[in-house]
């Protein structure tokens, strides 16, 4: 069981990083956090993968006042998504014609959904950004959806002002990723240990589900 969980965790994080590279190469817009990452990368000259890693650890500092504790998956998440994003960007070419861009965008959304279901199902803890969202909701009494919306509006606006890419891909991601992860998650959910089920939040959809640990997300 542990072997399967570890394989799912590392495979999911690798695929998530590659999906980020696909979104960037599509050139049609990114999800809110990656708009911010891209904007910071453009301003600093750092690779987007390095920015993802740095931001992940900075966000983890915000967990301290929220009394959140990172899991093994949280720490792996903070490093591996950025590493594989840079690997993907080194291997995947950009397309200048719309047909190729649309194909890359479709592949990015699908791969991101599979990746998310894969590592959420592994149950190794939430990603830094989703932990911030759920921690804020827990401490303030706000709904998860409200907490997520407020955080993502702020980072989207900041990323756009820094020069990050906002476009149709941003909208497609927002509309598609929740239903896609919900559809795929049952195929990747590792059964919880007997007697260990708890009430956890699916950070991709804002809904709640029974799991033994908070969902591991790359966000």
Foldseek 3Di string as FASTA:
>chain_A
DLVLLVVLLLVLLLLLLLLLLLLVLLLAFDALQLLLLVLVCVVPVNDSLVSQLVVQVVLLVVVVVLVDDFFPSQNCLSRRSSVSNVVNNVPDHHDPDNVSSVVSLVVSLLSNLSSQLSQQLSFGGAYSVLSSLVSVCVVVVNQSVVSVVVVSVVSNVNSVVSPGRHHPSNVCNLPPNLVSNVVCNVVNHDDADPPQWDWEADNSNSDIDIHNHHGYGSD
